[in-house]
Amino acid sequence: MTYKIQIDHTIQNATANQAAVIDAQRAEAESLAAAADAKAAALASAHIKLAALGLNDDEIAAIIGA
């Protein structure tokens, strides 16, 4: 992919190395976002399962810290 970068007041095409760094940073950001989504889904699932066992919201919060 071709990227445009700005250095001071000049806009230019990114070099192959700069493009590789941008791609790596984008992949890392997507990976971190996916991990955060998975953690949120697991927390919601735990809450639902604990509620199904008959625990109230205060008890669930004490267990999972949310």
PDB file of N, CA and C in Angstrom:
ATOM      1  N   MET A   1       0.845  -1.170   0.000  1.00  0.00           N
ATOM      2  CA  MET A   1       0.000   0.000   0.000  1.00  0.00           C
ATOM      3  C   MET A   1       0.893   1.236   0.000  1.00  0.00           C
ATOM      4  N   THR A   2       0.455   2.252  -0.680  1.00  0.00           N
ATOM      5  CA  THR A   2       1.207   3.500  -0.738  1.00  0.00           C
ATOM      6  C   THR A   2       0.660   4.456   0.305  1.00  0.00           C
ATOM      7  N   TYR A   3       1.562   4.997   1.092  1.00  0.00           N
ATOM      8  CA  TYR A   3       1.189   5.953   2.128  1.00  0.00           C
ATOM      9  C   TYR A   3       1.809   7.305   1.815  1.00  0.00           C
ATOM     10  N   LYS A   4       1.116   8.339   2.200  1.00  0.00           N
ATOM     11  CA  LYS A   4       1.654   9.691   2.146  1.00  0.00           C
ATOM     12  C   LYS A   4       2.041  10.079   3.565  1.00  0.00           C
ATOM     13  N   ILE A   5       3.199  10.664   3.727  1.00  0.00           N
ATOM     14  CA  ILE A   5       3.636  11.135   5.034  1.00  0.00           C
ATOM     15  C   ILE A   5       4.004  12.600   4.921  1.00  0.00           C
ATOM     16  N   GLN A   6       3.916  13.279   6.043  1.00  0.00           N
ATOM     17  CA  GLN A   6       4.266  14.688   6.077  1.00  0.00           C
ATOM     18  C   GLN A   6       5.452  14.880   6.994  1.00  0.00           C
ATOM     19  N   ILE A   7       6.494  15.478   6.468  1.00  0.00           N
ATOM     20  CA  ILE A   7       7.677  15.827   7.235  1.00  0.00           C
ATOM     21  C   ILE A   7       7.809  17.340   7.132  1.00  0.00           C
ATOM     22  N   ASP A   8       7.707  17.989   8.258  1.00  0.00           N
ATOM     23  CA  ASP A   8       7.625  19.451   8.316  1.00  0.00           C
ATOM     24  C   ASP A   8       6.455  19.894   7.451  1.00  0.00           C
ATOM     25  N   HIS A   9       6.692  20.637   6.395  1.00  0.00           N
ATOM     26  CA  HIS A   9       5.593  21.113   5.547  1.00  0.00           C
ATOM     27  C   HIS A   9       5.571  20.408   4.206  1.00  0.00           C
ATOM     28  N   THR A  10       6.312  19.314   4.081  1.00  0.00           N
ATOM     29  CA  THR A  10       6.409  18.592   2.821  1.00  0.00           C
ATOM     30  C   THR A  10       5.677  17.259   2.924  1.00  0.00           C
ATOM     31  N   ILE A  11       4.801  17.016   1.953  1.00  0.00           N
ATOM     32  CA  ILE A  11       4.098  15.737   1.878  1.00  0.00           C
ATOM     33  C   ILE A  11       4.766  14.920   0.785  1.00  0.00           C
ATOM     34  N   GLN A  12       5.078  13.658   1.138  1.00  0.00           N
ATOM     35  CA  GLN A  12       5.758  12.796   0.174  1.00  0.00           C
ATOM     36  C   GLN A  12       5.287  11.357   0.351  1.00  0.00           C
ATOM     37  N   ASN A  13       5.638  10.511  -0.610  1.00  0.00           N
ATOM     38  CA  ASN A  13       5.334   9.094  -0.497  1.00  0.00           C
ATOM     39  C   ASN A  13       6.251   8.476   0.550  1.00  0.00           C
ATOM     40  N   ALA A  14       5.712   7.546   1.313  1.00  0.00           N
ATOM     41  CA  ALA A  14       6.507   6.849   2.313  1.00  0.00           C
ATOM     42  C   ALA A  14       7.449   5.872   1.615  1.00  0.00           C
ATOM     43  N   THR A  15       8.617   5.695   2.199  1.00  0.00           N
ATOM     44  CA  THR A  15       9.552   4.698   1.671  1.00  0.00           C
ATOM     45  C   THR A  15       9.026   3.312   2.034  1.00  0.00           C
ATOM     46  N   ALA A  16       9.648   2.293   1.474  1.00  0.00           N
ATOM     47  CA  ALA A  16       9.233   0.917   1.772  1.00  0.00           C
ATOM     48  C   ALA A  16       9.383   0.629   3.263  1.00  0.00           C
ATOM     49  N   ASN A  17      10.445   1.108   3.875  1.00  0.00           N
ATOM     50  CA  ASN A  17      10.648   0.887   5.312  1.00  0.00           C
ATOM     51  C   ASN A  17       9.587   1.605   6.140  1.00  0.00           C
ATOM     52  N   GLN A  18       9.276   2.833   5.769  1.00  0.00           N
ATOM     53  CA  GLN A  18       8.253   3.580   6.496  1.00  0.00           C
ATOM     54  C   GLN A  18       6.885   2.915   6.343  1.00  0.00           C
ATOM     55  N   ALA A  19       6.590   2.425   5.140  1.00  0.00           N
ATOM     56  CA  ALA A  19       5.321   1.735   4.904  1.00  0.00           C
ATOM     57  C   ALA A  19       5.247   0.455   5.730  1.00  0.00           C
ATOM     58  N   ALA A  20       6.363  -0.253   5.852  1.00  0.00           N
ATOM     59  CA  ALA A  20       6.388  -1.474   6.652  1.00  0.00           C
ATOM     60  C   ALA A  20       6.118  -1.157   8.122  1.00  0.00           C
ATOM     61  N   VAL A  21       6.677  -0.060   8.619  1.00  0.00           N
ATOM     62  CA  VAL A  21       6.446   0.343  10.006  1.00  0.00           C
ATOM     63  C   VAL A  21       4.977   0.708  10.203  1.00  0.00           C
ATOM     64  N   ILE A  22       4.409   1.434   9.265  1.00  0.00           N
ATOM     65  CA  ILE A  22       2.991   1.816   9.352  1.00  0.00           C
ATOM     66  C   ILE A  22       2.113   0.569   9.362  1.00  0.00           C
ATOM     67  N   ASP A  23       2.414  -0.391   8.472  1.00  0.00           N
ATOM     68  CA  ASP A  23       1.634  -1.623   8.420  1.00  0.00           C
ATOM     69  C   ASP A  23       1.747  -2.408   9.726  1.00  0.00           C
ATOM     70  N   ALA A  24       2.948  -2.475  10.293  1.00  0.00           N
ATOM     71  CA  ALA A  24       3.152  -3.194  11.551  1.00  0.00           C
ATOM     72  C   ALA A  24       2.393  -2.518  12.685  1.00  0.00           C
ATOM     73  N   GLN A  25       2.414  -1.200  12.725  1.00  0.00           N
ATOM     74  CA  GLN A  25       1.694  -0.472  13.774  1.00  0.00           C
ATOM     75  C   GLN A  25       0.189  -0.653  13.624  1.00  0.00           C
ATOM     76  N   ARG A  26      -0.288  -0.645  12.400  1.00  0.00           N
ATOM     77  CA  ARG A  26      -1.720  -0.854  12.156  1.00  0.00           C
ATOM     78  C   ARG A  26      -2.131  -2.253  12.591  1.00  0.00           C
ATOM     79  N   ALA A  27      -1.328  -3.262  12.271  1.00  0.00           N
ATOM     80  CA  ALA A  27      -1.632  -4.639  12.665  1.00  0.00           C
ATOM     81  C   ALA A  27      -1.635  -4.776  14.183  1.00  0.00           C
ATOM     82  N   GLU A  28      -0.677  -4.133  14.847  1.00  0.00           N
ATOM     83  CA  GLU A  28      -0.627  -4.188  16.311  1.00  0.00           C
ATOM     84  C   GLU A  28      -1.856  -3.522  16.924  1.00  0.00           C
ATOM     85  N   ALA A  29      -2.266  -2.391  16.376  1.00  0.00           N
ATOM     86  CA  ALA A  29      -3.453  -1.696  16.883  1.00  0.00           C
ATOM     87  C   ALA A  29      -4.702  -2.551  16.706  1.00  0.00           C
ATOM     88  N   GLU A  30      -4.818  -3.216  15.559  1.00  0.00           N
ATOM     89  CA  GLU A  30      -5.971  -4.085  15.323  1.00  0.00           C
ATOM     90  C   GLU A  30      -5.956  -5.273  16.277  1.00  0.00           C
ATOM     91  N   SER A  31      -4.782  -5.817  16.544  1.00  0.00           N
ATOM     92  CA  SER A  31      -4.646  -6.933  17.468  1.00  0.00           C
ATOM     93  C   SER A  31      -5.036  -6.525  18.890  1.00  0.00           C
ATOM     94  N   LEU A  32      -4.593  -5.354  19.319  1.00  0.00           N
ATOM     95  CA  LEU A  32      -4.947  -4.856  20.643  1.00  0.00           C
ATOM     96  C   LEU A  32      -6.446  -4.598  20.758  1.00  0.00           C
ATOM     97  N   ALA A  33      -7.042  -4.076  19.703  1.00  0.00           N
ATOM     98  CA  ALA A  33      -8.486  -3.831  19.713  1.00  0.00           C
ATOM     99  C   ALA A  33      -9.254  -5.144  19.783  1.00  0.00           C
ATOM    100  N   ALA A  34      -8.803  -6.152  19.049  1.00  0.00           N
ATOM    101  CA  ALA A  34      -9.461  -7.455  19.084  1.00  0.00           C
ATOM    102  C   ALA A  34      -9.340  -8.085  20.466  1.00  0.00           C
ATOM    103  N   ALA A  35      -8.186  -7.941  21.096  1.00  0.00           N
ATOM    104  CA  ALA A  35      -7.993  -8.487  22.443  1.00  0.00           C
ATOM    105  C   ALA A  35      -8.895  -7.784  23.443  1.00  0.00           C
ATOM    106  N   ALA A  36      -9.042  -6.474  23.318  1.00  0.00           N
ATOM    107  CA  ALA A  36      -9.927  -5.720  24.214  1.00  0.00           C
ATOM    108  C   ALA A  36     -11.384  -6.139  24.014  1.00  0.00           C
ATOM    109  N   ASP A  37     -11.783  -6.351  22.756  1.00  0.00           N
ATOM    110  CA  ASP A  37     -13.144  -6.805  22.476  1.00  0.00           C
ATOM    111  C   ASP A  37     -13.394  -8.191  23.070  1.00  0.00           C
ATOM    112  N   ALA A  38     -12.409  -9.079  22.946  1.00  0.00           N
ATOM    113  CA  ALA A  38     -12.544 -10.431  23.486  1.00  0.00           C
ATOM    114  C   ALA A  38     -12.655 -10.398  25.002  1.00  0.00           C
ATOM    115  N   LYS A  39     -11.883  -9.533  25.637  1.00  0.00           N
ATOM    116  CA  LYS A  39     -11.941  -9.425  27.093  1.00  0.00           C
ATOM    117  C   LYS A  39     -13.306  -8.895  27.537  1.00  0.00           C
ATOM    118  N   ALA A  40     -13.824  -7.906  26.828  1.00  0.00           N
ATOM    119  CA  ALA A  40     -15.141  -7.357  27.164  1.00  0.00           C
ATOM    120  C   ALA A  40     -16.230  -8.405  26.972  1.00  0.00           C
ATOM    121  N   ALA A  41     -16.120  -9.205  25.921  1.00  0.00           N
ATOM    122  CA  ALA A  41     -17.104 -10.258  25.681  1.00  0.00           C
ATOM    123  C   ALA A  41     -17.037 -11.321  26.775  1.00  0.00           C
ATOM    124  N   ALA A  42     -15.841 -11.669  27.206  1.00  0.00           N
ATOM    125  CA  ALA A  42     -15.684 -12.659  28.271  1.00  0.00           C
ATOM    126  C   ALA A  42     -16.265 -12.137  29.586  1.00  0.00           C
ATOM    127  N   LEU A  43     -16.060 -10.872  29.864  1.00  0.00           N
ATOM    128  CA  LEU A  43     -16.594 -10.276  31.082  1.00  0.00           C
ATOM    129  C   LEU A  43     -18.124 -10.272  31.059  1.00  0.00           C
ATOM    130  N   ALA A  44     -18.694  -9.925  29.925  1.00  0.00           N
ATOM    131  CA  ALA A  44     -20.158  -9.929  29.801  1.00  0.00           C
ATOM    132  C   ALA A  44     -20.700 -11.347  29.940  1.00  0.00           C
ATOM    133  N   SER A  45     -20.009 -12.307  29.355  1.00  0.00           N
ATOM    134  CA  SER A  45     -20.429 -13.703  29.464  1.00  0.00           C
ATOM    135  C   SER A  45     -20.371 -14.171  30.914  1.00  0.00           C
ATOM    136  N   ALA A  46     -19.314 -13.806  31.620  1.00  0.00           N
ATOM    137  CA  ALA A  46     -19.188 -14.188  33.031  1.00  0.00           C
ATOM    138  C   ALA A  46     -20.319 -13.586  33.854  1.00  0.00           C
ATOM    139  N   HIS A  47     -20.655 -12.346  33.567  1.00  0.00           N
ATOM    140  CA  HIS A  47     -21.735 -11.671  34.289  1.00  0.00           C
ATOM    141  C   HIS A  47     -23.054 -12.410  34.070  1.00  0.00           C
ATOM    142  N   ILE A  48     -23.339 -12.766  32.836  1.00  0.00           N
ATOM    143  CA  ILE A  48     -24.586 -13.467  32.512  1.00  0.00           C
ATOM    144  C   ILE A  48     -24.640 -14.829  33.210  1.00  0.00           C
ATOM    145  N   LYS A  49     -23.515 -15.540  33.185  1.00  0.00           N
ATOM    146  CA  LYS A  49     -23.485 -16.868  33.803  1.00  0.00           C
ATOM    147  C   LYS A  49     -23.650 -16.787  35.320  1.00  0.00           C
ATOM    148  N   LEU A  50     -23.025 -15.800  35.943  1.00  0.00           N
ATOM    149  CA  LEU A  50     -23.164 -15.640  37.387  1.00  0.00           C
ATOM    150  C   LEU A  50     -24.586 -15.225  37.757  1.00  0.00           C
ATOM    151  N   ALA A  51     -25.197 -14.384  36.927  1.00  0.00           N
ATOM    152  CA  ALA A  51     -26.584 -13.987  37.179  1.00  0.00           C
ATOM    153  C   ALA A  51     -27.510 -15.194  37.046  1.00  0.00           C
ATOM    154  N   ALA A  52     -27.207 -16.080  36.110  1.00  0.00           N
ATOM    155  CA  ALA A  52     -28.027 -17.283  35.932  1.00  0.00           C
ATOM    156  C   ALA A  52     -27.927 -18.207  37.145  1.00  0.00           C
ATOM    157  N   LEU A  53     -26.826 -18.096  37.882  1.00  0.00           N
ATOM    158  CA  LEU A  53     -26.674 -18.892  39.096  1.00  0.00           C
ATOM    159  C   LEU A  53     -27.420 -18.287  40.283  1.00  0.00           C
ATOM    160  N   GLY A  54     -27.989 -17.093  40.094  1.00  0.00           N
ATOM    161  CA  GLY A  54     -28.787 -16.471  41.131  1.00  0.00           C
ATOM    162  C   GLY A  54     -28.101 -15.349  41.889  1.00  0.00           C
ATOM    163  N   LEU A  55     -26.915 -14.952  41.455  1.00  0.00           N
ATOM    164  CA  LEU A  55     -26.224 -13.862  42.131  1.00  0.00           C
ATOM    165  C   LEU A  55     -26.798 -12.523  41.683  1.00  0.00           C
ATOM    166  N   ASN A  56     -26.838 -11.551  42.613  1.00  0.00           N
ATOM    167  CA  ASN A  56     -27.312 -10.216  42.237  1.00  0.00           C
ATOM    168  C   ASN A  56     -26.119  -9.389  41.738  1.00  0.00           C
ATOM    169  N   ASP A  57     -26.407  -8.195  41.261  1.00  0.00           N
ATOM    170  CA  ASP A  57     -25.355  -7.363  40.659  1.00  0.00           C
ATOM    171  C   ASP A  57     -24.242  -7.015  41.643  1.00  0.00           C
ATOM    172  N   ASP A  58     -24.590  -6.765  42.898  1.00  0.00           N
ATOM    173  CA  ASP A  58     -23.558  -6.441  43.891  1.00  0.00           C
ATOM    174  C   ASP A  58     -22.635  -7.624  44.136  1.00  0.00           C
ATOM    175  N   GLU A  59     -23.198  -8.820  44.202  1.00  0.00           N
ATOM    176  CA  GLU A  59     -22.388 -10.022  44.407  1.00  0.00           C
ATOM    177  C   GLU A  59     -21.492 -10.295  43.207  1.00  0.00           C
ATOM    178  N   ILE A  60     -22.042 -10.103  42.027  1.00  0.00           N
ATOM    179  CA  ILE A  60     -21.250 -10.300  40.800  1.00  0.00           C
ATOM    180  C   ILE A  60     -20.110  -9.304  40.740  1.00  0.00           C
ATOM    181  N   ALA A  61     -20.398  -8.050  41.074  1.00  0.00           N
ATOM    182  CA  ALA A  61     -19.354  -7.019  41.063  1.00  0.00           C
ATOM    183  C   ALA A  61     -18.250  -7.349  42.069  1.00  0.00           C
ATOM    184  N   ALA A  62     -18.620  -7.918  43.199  1.00  0.00           N
ATOM    185  CA  ALA A  62     -17.621  -8.293  44.201  1.00  0.00           C
ATOM    186  C   ALA A  62     -16.724  -9.410  43.685  1.00  0.00           C
ATOM    187  N   ILE A  63     -17.274 -10.294  42.877  1.00  0.00           N
ATOM    188  CA  ILE A  63     -16.502 -11.420  42.365  1.00  0.00           C
ATOM    189  C   ILE A  63     -15.601 -11.006  41.217  1.00  0.00           C
ATOM    190  N   ILE A  64     -16.185 -10.320  40.215  1.00  0.00           N
ATOM    191  CA  ILE A  64     -15.409 -10.012  39.008  1.00  0.00           C
ATOM    192  C   ILE A  64     -14.828  -8.608  39.012  1.00  0.00           C
ATOM    193  N   GLY A  65     -15.160  -7.822  40.003  1.00  0.00           N
ATOM    194  CA  GLY A  65     -14.568  -6.498  40.122  1.00  0.00           C
ATOM    195  C   GLY A  65     -15.033  -5.506  39.094  1.00  0.00           C
ATOM    196  N   ALA A  66     -16.232  -5.676  38.597  1.00  0.00           N
ATOM    197  CA  ALA A  66     -16.734  -4.727  37.599  1.00  0.00           C
ATOM    198  C   ALA A  66     -17.925  -3.990  38.135  1.00  0.00           C
TER     199      ALA A  66
END
